[in-house]
Amino acid sequence: NEILRIPAEIWRKNPRRVSKLLMTPENRHITALEVDPYLETADANLNNNRWPAKLIKSRFQLWKEEKHKNAMQKKRGDK
């Protein structure tokens, strides 16, 4: 694993799209990339920060998947 830190000023000229050329020695290949792995920026969409893509559930999606019962279900003993 290698961490490459690029300053945020890279977005100064074009805030919508940025490109960066990464060079590796011939015997090394890039197998995965992740932008901002430590969540240091205010990124609203984390789903486009990885290559190859990996779906990341939002906190809301995780909350929805939890089994929440309303008061009537709890009183009835529903599972």
PDB file of N, CA and C in Angstrom:
ATOM      1  N   ASN A   1       0.837  -1.185   0.000  1.00  0.00           N
ATOM      2  CA  ASN A   1       0.000   0.000   0.000  1.00  0.00           C
ATOM      3  C   ASN A   1       0.874   1.236   0.000  1.00  0.00           C
ATOM      4  N   GLU A   2       0.445   2.199  -0.748  1.00  0.00           N
ATOM      5  CA  GLU A   2       1.173   3.457  -0.826  1.00  0.00           C
ATOM      6  C   GLU A   2       0.173   4.599  -0.767  1.00  0.00           C
ATOM      7  N   ILE A   3       0.489   5.630  -0.019  1.00  0.00           N
ATOM      8  CA  ILE A   3      -0.385   6.795   0.088  1.00  0.00           C
ATOM      9  C   ILE A   3       0.287   7.959  -0.616  1.00  0.00           C
ATOM     10  N   LEU A   4      -0.427   8.568  -1.527  1.00  0.00           N
ATOM     11  CA  LEU A   4       0.050   9.729  -2.269  1.00  0.00           C
ATOM     12  C   LEU A   4      -0.868  10.895  -1.924  1.00  0.00           C
ATOM     13  N   ARG A   5      -0.320  11.930  -1.322  1.00  0.00           N
ATOM     14  CA  ARG A   5      -1.132  13.094  -0.940  1.00  0.00           C
ATOM     15  C   ARG A   5      -0.944  14.194  -1.986  1.00  0.00           C
ATOM     16  N   ILE A   6      -2.063  14.626  -2.538  1.00  0.00           N
ATOM     17  CA  ILE A   6      -2.073  15.680  -3.552  1.00  0.00           C
ATOM     18  C   ILE A   6      -2.865  16.842  -2.961  1.00  0.00           C
ATOM     19  N   PRO A   7      -2.337  18.074  -3.002  1.00  0.00           N
ATOM     20  CA  PRO A   7      -3.043  19.205  -2.392  1.00  0.00           C
ATOM     21  C   PRO A   7      -4.383  19.486  -3.074  1.00  0.00           C
ATOM     22  N   ALA A   8      -5.320  20.035  -2.310  1.00  0.00           N
ATOM     23  CA  ALA A   8      -6.664  20.330  -2.815  1.00  0.00           C
ATOM     24  C   ALA A   8      -6.644  21.377  -3.925  1.00  0.00           C
ATOM     25  N   GLU A   9      -5.575  22.134  -4.046  1.00  0.00           N
ATOM     26  CA  GLU A   9      -5.482  23.155  -5.096  1.00  0.00           C
ATOM     27  C   GLU A   9      -5.531  22.554  -6.498  1.00  0.00           C
ATOM     28  N   ILE A  10      -5.424  21.246  -6.597  1.00  0.00           N
ATOM     29  CA  ILE A  10      -5.489  20.593  -7.903  1.00  0.00           C
ATOM     30  C   ILE A  10      -6.830  20.881  -8.583  1.00  0.00           C
ATOM     31  N   TRP A  11      -7.874  21.194  -7.783  1.00  0.00           N
ATOM     32  CA  TRP A  11      -9.199  21.482  -8.329  1.00  0.00           C
ATOM     33  C   TRP A  11      -9.388  22.959  -8.672  1.00  0.00           C
ATOM     34  N   ARG A  12      -8.362  23.758  -8.518  1.00  0.00           N
ATOM     35  CA  ARG A  12      -8.502  25.198  -8.716  1.00  0.00           C
ATOM     36  C   ARG A  12      -8.945  25.557 -10.137  1.00  0.00           C
ATOM     37  N   LYS A  13      -8.363  24.933 -11.146  1.00  0.00           N
ATOM     38  CA  LYS A  13      -8.691  25.284 -12.531  1.00  0.00           C
ATOM     39  C   LYS A  13     -10.028  24.720 -12.983  1.00  0.00           C
ATOM     40  N   ASN A  14     -10.357  23.532 -12.536  1.00  0.00           N
ATOM     41  CA  ASN A  14     -11.619  22.908 -12.934  1.00  0.00           C
ATOM     42  C   ASN A  14     -12.178  22.140 -11.735  1.00  0.00           C
ATOM     43  N   PRO A  15     -13.154  22.713 -11.028  1.00  0.00           N
ATOM     44  CA  PRO A  15     -13.673  22.058  -9.819  1.00  0.00           C
ATOM     45  C   PRO A  15     -14.490  20.803 -10.095  1.00  0.00           C
ATOM     46  N   ARG A  16     -14.884  20.563 -11.348  1.00  0.00           N
ATOM     47  CA  ARG A  16     -15.709  19.393 -11.674  1.00  0.00           C
ATOM     48  C   ARG A  16     -14.891  18.176 -12.103  1.00  0.00           C
ATOM     49  N   ARG A  17     -13.733  18.410 -12.696  1.00  0.00           N
ATOM     50  CA  ARG A  17     -12.956  17.286 -13.213  1.00  0.00           C
ATOM     51  C   ARG A  17     -11.468  17.556 -13.075  1.00  0.00           C
ATOM     52  N   VAL A  18     -10.761  16.565 -12.593  1.00  0.00           N
ATOM     53  CA  VAL A  18      -9.319  16.662 -12.403  1.00  0.00           C
ATOM     54  C   VAL A  18      -8.696  15.374 -12.912  1.00  0.00           C
ATOM     55  N   SER A  19      -7.532  15.471 -13.504  1.00  0.00           N
ATOM     56  CA  SER A  19      -6.817  14.255 -13.902  1.00  0.00           C
ATOM     57  C   SER A  19      -5.398  14.324 -13.339  1.00  0.00           C
ATOM     58  N   LYS A  20      -4.870  13.164 -13.016  1.00  0.00           N
ATOM     59  CA  LYS A  20      -3.519  13.064 -12.461  1.00  0.00           C
ATOM     60  C   LYS A  20      -2.872  11.829 -13.062  1.00  0.00           C
ATOM     61  N   LEU A  21      -1.717  11.972 -13.639  1.00  0.00           N
ATOM     62  CA  LEU A  21      -0.988  10.862 -14.233  1.00  0.00           C
ATOM     63  C   LEU A  21      -0.118  10.213 -13.167  1.00  0.00           C
ATOM     64  N   LEU A  22      -0.304   8.911 -12.972  1.00  0.00           N
ATOM     65  CA  LEU A  22       0.492   8.162 -11.999  1.00  0.00           C
ATOM     66  C   LEU A  22       1.419   7.220 -12.752  1.00  0.00           C
ATOM     67  N   MET A  23       2.700   7.321 -12.484  1.00  0.00           N
ATOM     68  CA  MET A  23       3.695   6.477 -13.130  1.00  0.00           C
ATOM     69  C   MET A  23       4.202   5.453 -12.122  1.00  0.00           C
ATOM     70  N   THR A  24       4.326   4.202 -12.558  1.00  0.00           N
ATOM     71  CA  THR A  24       4.858   3.145 -11.701  1.00  0.00           C
ATOM     72  C   THR A  24       5.984   2.435 -12.443  1.00  0.00           C
ATOM     73  N   PRO A  25       6.889   1.803 -11.718  1.00  0.00           N
ATOM     74  CA  PRO A  25       7.921   1.001 -12.384  1.00  0.00           C
ATOM     75  C   PRO A  25       7.264  -0.145 -13.168  1.00  0.00           C
ATOM     76  N   GLU A  26       7.986  -0.681 -14.122  1.00  0.00           N
ATOM     77  CA  GLU A  26       7.436  -1.740 -14.984  1.00  0.00           C
ATOM     78  C   GLU A  26       6.984  -2.963 -14.199  1.00  0.00           C
ATOM     79  N   ASN A  27       7.630  -3.266 -13.097  1.00  0.00           N
ATOM     80  CA  ASN A  27       7.293  -4.478 -12.350  1.00  0.00           C
ATOM     81  C   ASN A  27       6.166  -4.262 -11.341  1.00  0.00           C
ATOM     82  N   ARG A  28       5.618  -3.050 -11.261  1.00  0.00           N
ATOM     83  CA  ARG A  28       4.507  -2.773 -10.343  1.00  0.00           C
ATOM     84  C   ARG A  28       3.284  -2.330 -11.129  1.00  0.00           C
ATOM     85  N   HIS A  29       2.135  -2.846 -10.732  1.00  0.00           N
ATOM     86  CA  HIS A  29       0.887  -2.489 -11.393  1.00  0.00           C
ATOM     87  C   HIS A  29      -0.090  -1.945 -10.364  1.00  0.00           C
ATOM     88  N   ILE A  30      -0.898  -0.988 -10.771  1.00  0.00           N
ATOM     89  CA  ILE A  30      -1.914  -0.436  -9.889  1.00  0.00           C
ATOM     90  C   ILE A  30      -3.105  -1.377  -9.909  1.00  0.00           C
ATOM     91  N   THR A  31      -3.464  -1.907  -8.757  1.00  0.00           N
ATOM     92  CA  THR A  31      -4.586  -2.840  -8.667  1.00  0.00           C
ATOM     93  C   THR A  31      -5.828  -2.183  -8.075  1.00  0.00           C
ATOM     94  N   ALA A  32      -5.656  -1.083  -7.347  1.00  0.00           N
ATOM     95  CA  ALA A  32      -6.793  -0.380  -6.765  1.00  0.00           C
ATOM     96  C   ALA A  32      -6.384   1.044  -6.416  1.00  0.00           C
ATOM     97  N   LEU A  33      -7.350   1.946  -6.474  1.00  0.00           N
ATOM     98  CA  LEU A  33      -7.145   3.343  -6.088  1.00  0.00           C
ATOM     99  C   LEU A  33      -8.290   3.777  -5.200  1.00  0.00           C
ATOM    100  N   GLU A  34      -7.969   4.643  -4.243  1.00  0.00           N
ATOM    101  CA  GLU A  34      -9.025   5.217  -3.400  1.00  0.00           C
ATOM    102  C   GLU A  34      -8.682   6.676  -3.130  1.00  0.00           C
ATOM    103  N   VAL A  35      -9.639   7.540  -3.389  1.00  0.00           N
ATOM    104  CA  VAL A  35      -9.481   8.965  -3.130  1.00  0.00           C
ATOM    105  C   VAL A  35      -9.981   9.241  -1.719  1.00  0.00           C
ATOM    106  N   ASP A  36      -9.194   9.937  -0.936  1.00  0.00           N
ATOM    107  CA  ASP A  36      -9.547  10.351   0.416  1.00  0.00           C
ATOM    108  C   ASP A  36      -9.956   9.168   1.306  1.00  0.00           C
ATOM    109  N   PRO A  37      -9.051   8.205   1.524  1.00  0.00           N
ATOM    110  CA  PRO A  37      -9.411   7.035   2.330  1.00  0.00           C
ATOM    111  C   PRO A  37      -9.664   7.356   3.806  1.00  0.00           C
ATOM    112  N   TYR A  38      -9.141   8.483   4.293  1.00  0.00           N
ATOM    113  CA  TYR A  38      -9.322   8.852   5.704  1.00  0.00           C
ATOM    114  C   TYR A  38     -10.434   9.883   5.902  1.00  0.00           C
ATOM    115  N   LEU A  39     -11.219  10.131   4.851  1.00  0.00           N
ATOM    116  CA  LEU A  39     -12.370  11.040   4.911  1.00  0.00           C
ATOM    117  C   LEU A  39     -11.985  12.415   5.448  1.00  0.00           C
ATOM    118  N   GLU A  40     -10.941  12.990   4.870  1.00  0.00           N
ATOM    119  CA  GLU A  40     -10.442  14.290   5.304  1.00  0.00           C
ATOM    120  C   GLU A  40     -11.104  15.449   4.568  1.00  0.00           C
ATOM    121  N   THR A  41     -11.866  15.180   3.525  1.00  0.00           N
ATOM    122  CA  THR A  41     -12.556  16.237   2.795  1.00  0.00           C
ATOM    123  C   THR A  41     -14.059  16.082   2.977  1.00  0.00           C
ATOM    124  N   ALA A  42     -14.795  17.121   2.666  1.00  0.00           N
ATOM    125  CA  ALA A  42     -16.255  17.099   2.787  1.00  0.00           C
ATOM    126  C   ALA A  42     -16.836  16.571   1.480  1.00  0.00           C
ATOM    127  N   ASP A  43     -16.747  15.278   1.276  1.00  0.00           N
ATOM    128  CA  ASP A  43     -17.226  14.648   0.050  1.00  0.00           C
ATOM    129  C   ASP A  43     -18.623  14.092   0.283  1.00  0.00           C
ATOM    130  N   ALA A  44     -19.601  14.564  -0.486  1.00  0.00           N
ATOM    131  CA  ALA A  44     -20.989  14.122  -0.305  1.00  0.00           C
ATOM    132  C   ALA A  44     -21.243  12.767  -0.939  1.00  0.00           C
ATOM    133  N   ASN A  45     -20.435  12.378  -1.925  1.00  0.00           N
ATOM    134  CA  ASN A  45     -20.661  11.109  -2.623  1.00  0.00           C
ATOM    135  C   ASN A  45     -19.399  10.253  -2.528  1.00  0.00           C
ATOM    136  N   LEU A  46     -19.398   9.302  -1.625  1.00  0.00           N
ATOM    137  CA  LEU A  46     -18.233   8.436  -1.444  1.00  0.00           C
ATOM    138  C   LEU A  46     -18.216   7.277  -2.438  1.00  0.00           C
ATOM    139  N   ASN A  47     -19.299   7.081  -3.169  1.00  0.00           N
ATOM    140  CA  ASN A  47     -19.383   5.950  -4.095  1.00  0.00           C
ATOM    141  C   ASN A  47     -18.466   6.092  -5.306  1.00  0.00           C
ATOM    142  N   ASN A  48     -17.991   7.285  -5.606  1.00  0.00           N
ATOM    143  CA  ASN A  48     -17.120   7.452  -6.771  1.00  0.00           C
ATOM    144  C   ASN A  48     -15.660   7.669  -6.382  1.00  0.00           C
ATOM    145  N   ASN A  49     -15.283   7.253  -5.184  1.00  0.00           N
ATOM    146  CA  ASN A  49     -13.916   7.462  -4.697  1.00  0.00           C
ATOM    147  C   ASN A  49     -13.016   6.248  -4.857  1.00  0.00           C
ATOM    148  N   ARG A  50     -13.505   5.164  -5.414  1.00  0.00           N
ATOM    149  CA  ARG A  50     -12.700   3.943  -5.511  1.00  0.00           C
ATOM    150  C   ARG A  50     -12.683   3.385  -6.922  1.00  0.00           C
ATOM    151  N   TRP A  51     -11.542   2.776  -7.255  1.00  0.00           N
ATOM    152  CA  TRP A  51     -11.417   2.000  -8.471  1.00  0.00           C
ATOM    153  C   TRP A  51     -10.659   0.729  -8.117  1.00  0.00           C
ATOM    154  N   PRO A  52     -11.168  -0.425  -8.432  1.00  0.00           N
ATOM    155  CA  PRO A  52     -12.482  -0.693  -9.012  1.00  0.00           C
ATOM    156  C   PRO A  52     -13.576  -0.284  -8.033  1.00  0.00           C
ATOM    157  N   ALA A  53     -14.739   0.012  -8.581  1.00  0.00           N
ATOM    158  CA  ALA A  53     -15.841   0.552  -7.791  1.00  0.00           C
ATOM    159  C   ALA A  53     -16.269  -0.405  -6.686  1.00  0.00           C
ATOM    160  N   LYS A  54     -16.651   0.180  -5.569  1.00  0.00           N
ATOM    161  CA  LYS A  54     -17.186  -0.580  -4.446  1.00  0.00           C
ATOM    162  C   LYS A  54     -18.316   0.256  -3.860  1.00  0.00           C
ATOM    163  N   LEU A  55     -19.509  -0.325  -3.789  1.00  0.00           N
ATOM    164  CA  LEU A  55     -20.642   0.408  -3.259  1.00  0.00           C
ATOM    165  C   LEU A  55     -20.500   0.575  -1.756  1.00  0.00           C
ATOM    166  N   ILE A  56     -20.714   1.798  -1.301  1.00  0.00           N
ATOM    167  CA  ILE A  56     -20.645   2.109   0.115  1.00  0.00           C
ATOM    168  C   ILE A  56     -22.033   2.579   0.535  1.00  0.00           C
ATOM    169  N   LYS A  57     -22.597   1.921   1.519  1.00  0.00           N
ATOM    170  CA  LYS A  57     -23.928   2.297   1.973  1.00  0.00           C
ATOM    171  C   LYS A  57     -23.844   3.571   2.809  1.00  0.00           C
ATOM    172  N   SER A  58     -24.838   4.444   2.582  1.00  0.00           N
ATOM    173  CA  SER A  58     -24.897   5.675   3.367  1.00  0.00           C
ATOM    174  C   SER A  58     -25.365   5.354   4.774  1.00  0.00           C
ATOM    175  N   ARG A  59     -25.179   6.288   5.671  1.00  0.00           N
ATOM    176  CA  ARG A  59     -25.644   6.088   7.044  1.00  0.00           C
ATOM    177  C   ARG A  59     -27.151   5.897   7.065  1.00  0.00           C
ATOM    178  N   PHE A  60     -27.868   6.580   6.173  1.00  0.00           N
ATOM    179  CA  PHE A  60     -29.316   6.430   6.106  1.00  0.00           C
ATOM    180  C   PHE A  60     -29.691   5.018   5.649  1.00  0.00           C
ATOM    181  N   GLN A  61     -28.998   4.498   4.631  1.00  0.00           N
ATOM    182  CA  GLN A  61     -29.268   3.139   4.162  1.00  0.00           C
ATOM    183  C   GLN A  61     -29.003   2.122   5.273  1.00  0.00           C
ATOM    184  N   LEU A  62     -27.924   2.301   6.018  1.00  0.00           N
ATOM    185  CA  LEU A  62     -27.625   1.397   7.122  1.00  0.00           C
ATOM    186  C   LEU A  62     -28.707   1.465   8.191  1.00  0.00           C
ATOM    187  N   TRP A  63     -29.193   2.669   8.477  1.00  0.00           N
ATOM    188  CA  TRP A  63     -30.246   2.840   9.474  1.00  0.00           C
ATOM    189  C   TRP A  63     -31.533   2.156   9.015  1.00  0.00           C
ATOM    190  N   LYS A  64     -31.853   2.310   7.709  1.00  0.00           N
ATOM    191  CA  LYS A  64     -33.074   1.695   7.183  1.00  0.00           C
ATOM    192  C   LYS A  64     -33.028   0.177   7.277  1.00  0.00           C
ATOM    193  N   GLU A  65     -31.849  -0.417   7.145  1.00  0.00           N
ATOM    194  CA  GLU A  65     -31.724  -1.870   7.176  1.00  0.00           C
ATOM    195  C   GLU A  65     -31.875  -2.440   8.589  1.00  0.00           C
ATOM    196  N   GLU A  66     -31.642  -1.613   9.597  1.00  0.00           N
ATOM    197  CA  GLU A  66     -31.814  -2.080  10.966  1.00  0.00           C
ATOM    198  C   GLU A  66     -33.302  -2.335  11.210  1.00  0.00           C
ATOM    199  N   LYS A  67     -33.586  -3.262  12.077  1.00  0.00           N
ATOM    200  CA  LYS A  67     -34.970  -3.593  12.391  1.00  0.00           C
ATOM    201  C   LYS A  67     -35.486  -2.604  13.439  1.00  0.00           C
ATOM    202  N   HIS A  68     -36.244  -1.613  12.989  1.00  0.00           N
ATOM    203  CA  HIS A  68     -36.848  -0.646  13.892  1.00  0.00           C
ATOM    204  C   HIS A  68     -38.313  -1.012  14.080  1.00  0.00           C
ATOM    205  N   LYS A  69     -38.740  -1.052  15.327  1.00  0.00           N
ATOM    206  CA  LYS A  69     -40.130  -1.367  15.633  1.00  0.00           C
ATOM    207  C   LYS A  69     -40.802  -0.126  16.204  1.00  0.00           C
ATOM    208  N   ASN A  70     -42.062   0.049  15.831  1.00  0.00           N
ATOM    209  CA  ASN A  70     -42.817   1.129  16.453  1.00  0.00           C
ATOM    210  C   ASN A  70     -43.382   0.628  17.775  1.00  0.00           C
ATOM    211  N   ALA A  71     -44.024   1.513  18.532  1.00  0.00           N
ATOM    212  CA  ALA A  71     -44.505   1.178  19.875  1.00  0.00           C
ATOM    213  C   ALA A  71     -45.498   0.012  19.854  1.00  0.00           C
ATOM    214  N   MET A  72     -46.382  -0.033  18.853  1.00  0.00           N
ATOM    215  CA  MET A  72     -47.373  -1.115  18.789  1.00  0.00           C
ATOM    216  C   MET A  72     -46.693  -2.461  18.525  1.00  0.00           C
ATOM    217  N   GLN A  73     -45.710  -2.466  17.651  1.00  0.00           N
ATOM    218  CA  GLN A  73     -44.992  -3.720  17.366  1.00  0.00           C
ATOM    219  C   GLN A  73     -44.248  -4.203  18.608  1.00  0.00           C
ATOM    220  N   LYS A  74     -43.654  -3.301  19.355  1.00  0.00           N
ATOM    221  CA  LYS A  74     -42.942  -3.679  20.569  1.00  0.00           C
ATOM    222  C   LYS A  74     -43.903  -4.255  21.597  1.00  0.00           C
ATOM    223  N   LYS A  75     -45.072  -3.610  21.752  1.00  0.00           N
ATOM    224  CA  LYS A  75     -46.061  -4.068  22.732  1.00  0.00           C
ATOM    225  C   LYS A  75     -46.577  -5.470  22.385  1.00  0.00           C
ATOM    226  N   ARG A  76     -46.767  -5.713  21.071  1.00  0.00           N
ATOM    227  CA  ARG A  76     -47.270  -6.993  20.578  1.00  0.00           C
ATOM    228  C   ARG A  76     -46.211  -8.079  20.660  1.00  0.00           C
ATOM    229  N   GLY A  77     -44.951  -7.667  20.704  1.00  0.00           N
ATOM    230  CA  GLY A  77     -43.862  -8.641  20.745  1.00  0.00           C
ATOM    231  C   GLY A  77     -43.410  -9.086  19.364  1.00  0.00           C
ATOM    232  N   ASP A  78     -43.683  -8.287  18.333  1.00  0.00           N
ATOM    233  CA  ASP A  78     -43.246  -8.626  16.960  1.00  0.00           C
ATOM    234  C   ASP A  78     -41.733  -8.702  16.887  1.00  0.00           C
ATOM    235  N   LYS A  79     -41.253  -9.565  16.025  1.00  0.00           N
ATOM    236  CA  LYS A  79     -39.805  -9.679  15.817  1.00  0.00           C
ATOM    237  C   LYS A  79     -39.377  -8.940  14.599  1.00  0.00           C
TER     238      LYS A  79
END
